[in-house]
N, C-alpha and C. Protein backbone atom coordinates (compact mmCIF):
# COMPACT_ATOMS: atom_id res chain seq x y z
N MET A 1 46.04 189.54 72.10
CA MET A 1 45.99 189.18 73.26
C MET A 1 47.32 188.88 73.78
N LYS A 2 48.08 188.67 73.07
CA LYS A 2 49.60 188.34 73.69
C LYS A 2 50.27 189.55 74.56
N LEU A 3 49.91 191.08 74.27
CA LEU A 3 50.12 191.93 75.02
C LEU A 3 49.43 191.94 76.54
N PHE A 4 48.59 191.41 76.90
CA PHE A 4 47.98 191.10 78.17
C PHE A 4 48.64 190.18 78.75
N THR A 5 49.47 189.03 78.26
CA THR A 5 50.21 188.16 78.93
C THR A 5 51.73 188.85 79.31
N ILE A 6 52.51 189.85 78.24
CA ILE A 6 53.48 190.41 78.34
C ILE A 6 53.34 191.31 79.67
N VAL A 7 52.07 192.23 79.79
CA VAL A 7 51.92 193.12 80.83
C VAL A 7 51.90 192.42 81.95
N ALA A 8 51.58 191.27 82.07
CA ALA A 8 50.96 190.60 83.35
C ALA A 8 52.02 190.18 83.52
N TRP A 9 53.04 189.50 82.82
CA TRP A 9 54.06 189.27 83.40
C TRP A 9 55.23 190.11 83.93
N ILE A 10 55.24 191.34 83.30
CA ILE A 10 56.06 192.45 83.69
C ILE A 10 55.95 193.13 84.95
N SER A 11 54.39 193.11 84.99
CA SER A 11 53.82 193.88 86.30
C SER A 11 53.94 192.93 87.22
N GLY A 12 54.15 191.76 87.39
CA GLY A 12 54.09 190.65 88.50
C GLY A 12 55.62 190.75 88.73
N ILE A 13 56.61 190.90 87.80
CA ILE A 13 57.77 190.60 88.27
C ILE A 13 58.18 192.21 88.97
N ILE A 14 57.65 193.06 88.55
CA ILE A 14 57.94 194.59 89.07
C ILE A 14 57.42 194.27 90.71
N ALA A 15 56.15 193.36 90.66
CA ALA A 15 55.52 193.28 92.15
C ALA A 15 56.72 192.56 93.29
N VAL A 16 57.00 191.47 92.62
CA VAL A 16 57.75 190.63 93.08
C VAL A 16 59.48 191.33 93.87
N ALA A 17 59.74 192.09 92.65
CA ALA A 17 60.79 192.69 92.88
C ALA A 17 60.65 193.88 94.26
N LEU A 18 59.34 194.61 94.14
CA LEU A 18 59.25 195.48 94.95
C LEU A 18 59.02 195.01 96.28
N ILE A 19 58.26 193.81 96.43
CA ILE A 19 58.15 193.17 98.06
C ILE A 19 59.73 192.52 98.31
N ILE A 20 60.60 192.12 97.25
CA ILE A 20 62.01 191.89 97.78
C ILE A 20 62.72 193.06 98.42
N PHE A 21 62.68 193.92 97.77
CA PHE A 21 63.14 195.41 98.07
C PHE A 21 62.65 195.85 99.31
N GLY A 22 61.30 195.48 99.70
CA GLY A 22 60.77 195.92 101.12
C GLY A 22 61.46 195.05 102.29
N ILE A 23 61.36 193.72 102.07
CA ILE A 23 62.27 192.95 102.72
C ILE A 23 63.49 193.06 103.50
N ILE A 24 64.16 193.47 102.20
CA ILE A 24 65.73 193.79 102.42
C ILE A 24 65.68 195.04 103.13
N ALA A 25 64.94 196.21 103.08
CA ALA A 25 64.80 197.35 103.65
C ALA A 25 64.51 196.89 105.11
N LEU A 26 63.46 196.13 105.25
CA LEU A 26 62.73 195.90 106.51
C LEU A 26 64.08 195.13 107.62
N PHE A 27 64.90 194.47 106.66
CA PHE A 27 65.91 193.71 107.66
C PHE A 27 66.92 194.69 107.86
N MET A 28 67.29 195.53 107.10
CA MET A 28 68.48 196.51 107.20
C MET A 28 68.46 197.61 108.06
N GLY A 29 66.97 197.61 108.46
CA GLY A 29 66.74 198.86 109.37
C GLY A 29 66.88 200.00 108.94
N SER A 30 67.38 200.43 107.85
CA SER A 30 67.73 201.93 107.22
C SER A 30 66.63 201.84 105.95
N ASN A 31 67.12 203.14 105.62
CA ASN A 31 66.45 202.98 103.98
C ASN A 31 67.51 203.23 103.12
N PRO A 32 67.95 201.74 102.36
CA PRO A 32 69.06 201.82 101.48
C PRO A 32 68.50 202.21 100.20
N PHE A 33 66.94 202.40 99.66
CA PHE A 33 66.90 202.78 98.75
C PHE A 33 66.28 204.37 98.56
N GLY A 34 66.34 204.86 99.66
CA GLY A 34 65.74 206.37 99.72
C GLY A 34 64.40 206.44 99.83
N ILE A 35 63.65 205.42 100.38
CA ILE A 35 62.47 205.28 100.94
C ILE A 35 62.18 204.99 102.55
N ARG A 36 61.71 206.09 102.91
CA ARG A 36 61.81 206.07 104.51
C ARG A 36 61.01 205.31 105.26
N HIS A 37 59.88 204.63 104.75
CA HIS A 37 59.25 203.67 105.34
C HIS A 37 58.96 202.39 104.60
N GLU A 38 59.20 201.31 105.21
CA GLU A 38 59.07 199.85 104.42
C GLU A 38 57.63 199.58 103.92
N ILE A 39 56.79 200.05 104.40
CA ILE A 39 55.50 199.61 104.00
C ILE A 39 55.13 200.20 102.88
N ASN A 40 55.65 201.13 102.22
CA ASN A 40 55.44 201.95 101.03
C ASN A 40 55.96 201.24 99.81
N TYR A 41 56.90 200.27 100.32
CA TYR A 41 57.36 198.95 98.94
C TYR A 41 56.00 198.15 98.81
N PHE A 42 55.33 197.60 99.77
CA PHE A 42 54.36 196.48 99.77
C PHE A 42 52.92 197.49 99.30
N LEU A 43 52.66 198.64 99.53
CA LEU A 43 51.51 199.11 98.88
C LEU A 43 51.86 199.30 97.82
N VAL A 44 52.69 199.70 97.24
CA VAL A 44 53.13 200.13 95.41
C VAL A 44 53.07 198.72 94.88
N SER A 45 53.35 197.50 95.71
CA SER A 45 53.49 196.40 94.84
C SER A 45 52.25 195.27 94.79
N SER A 46 51.37 195.77 95.97
CA SER A 46 50.09 195.33 95.81
C SER A 46 48.98 195.85 94.45
N ASN A 47 49.60 197.13 94.05
CA ASN A 47 48.93 197.67 92.57
C ASN A 47 49.48 197.11 91.34
N PHE A 48 50.75 196.38 91.37
CA PHE A 48 51.43 195.98 90.34
C PHE A 48 50.56 194.46 90.41
N LEU A 49 50.73 193.75 91.59
CA LEU A 49 49.54 192.55 91.65
C LEU A 49 48.32 192.66 91.19
N LEU A 50 47.47 193.59 91.37
CA LEU A 50 46.13 193.70 91.07
C LEU A 50 46.30 194.31 89.43
N LEU A 51 47.29 194.91 88.74
CA LEU A 51 47.31 194.97 87.35
C LEU A 51 47.74 193.64 86.66
N ALA A 52 48.48 192.62 87.31
CA ALA A 52 48.75 191.34 86.81
C ALA A 52 47.41 190.36 86.73
N ILE A 53 46.59 190.70 87.77
CA ILE A 53 45.69 189.93 87.96
C ILE A 53 44.32 190.64 87.08
N LEU A 54 44.43 191.45 86.44
CA LEU A 54 43.31 192.22 86.03
C LEU A 54 43.93 191.36 84.27
N CYS A 55 44.77 191.77 84.15
CA CYS A 55 45.30 191.29 82.80
C CYS A 55 45.36 189.78 82.60
N VAL A 56 45.45 188.88 83.19
CA VAL A 56 45.24 187.65 83.07
C VAL A 56 43.43 187.37 83.03
N LEU A 57 42.91 188.07 83.68
CA LEU A 57 41.37 187.89 84.03
C LEU A 57 41.06 188.44 82.44
N VAL A 58 41.45 189.39 81.90
CA VAL A 58 40.88 190.17 80.55
C VAL A 58 41.44 189.16 79.40
N GLN A 59 42.48 188.66 79.62
CA GLN A 59 42.86 187.64 78.28
C GLN A 59 42.12 186.30 78.33
N GLN A 60 41.82 185.79 79.38
CA GLN A 60 40.94 184.65 79.52
C GLN A 60 39.62 185.13 79.19
N GLY A 61 38.89 186.27 79.18
CA GLY A 61 37.81 186.51 78.96
C GLY A 61 37.45 186.84 77.43
N CYS A 62 38.85 187.23 76.98
CA CYS A 62 38.93 187.42 75.72
C CYS A 62 38.50 185.79 74.82
N CYS A 63 39.54 185.07 75.54
CA CYS A 63 39.79 184.13 74.88
C CYS A 63 38.56 183.28 74.81
N GLN A 64 37.67 183.23 75.90
CA GLN A 64 36.61 182.36 75.86
C GLN A 64 35.47 183.12 74.88
N LYS A 65 35.44 184.18 74.53
CA LYS A 65 34.59 184.65 74.04
C LYS A 65 34.55 184.22 72.43
N LYS A 66 36.00 183.92 71.93
CA LYS A 66 36.39 183.47 70.59
C LYS A 66 35.42 182.03 70.41
N GLU A 67 35.94 181.42 71.51
CA GLU A 67 35.42 179.85 71.61
C GLU A 67 34.05 179.73 70.91
C-alpha cells in the first residue's frame, strides 16, 4: 500500500505545481510556458488532484479491510 501513498504525493505535487504555473501565467499576461490559455493549467491540475484523492481513499479502504 506504500505505492498508493507515493502516487498520491506525486500527483498532489504535480497538481500544486500546475496551479502555481497557472497563477504565474495569469499574472504575467503572456504564455511563458507555451500554453495559450491559463485555464488549461487548472483543468489539468484537477485531474491530478482527483488521482491523489482516489489513491488516498483506496489506501484507506485496503487498510480497513485488513483490520
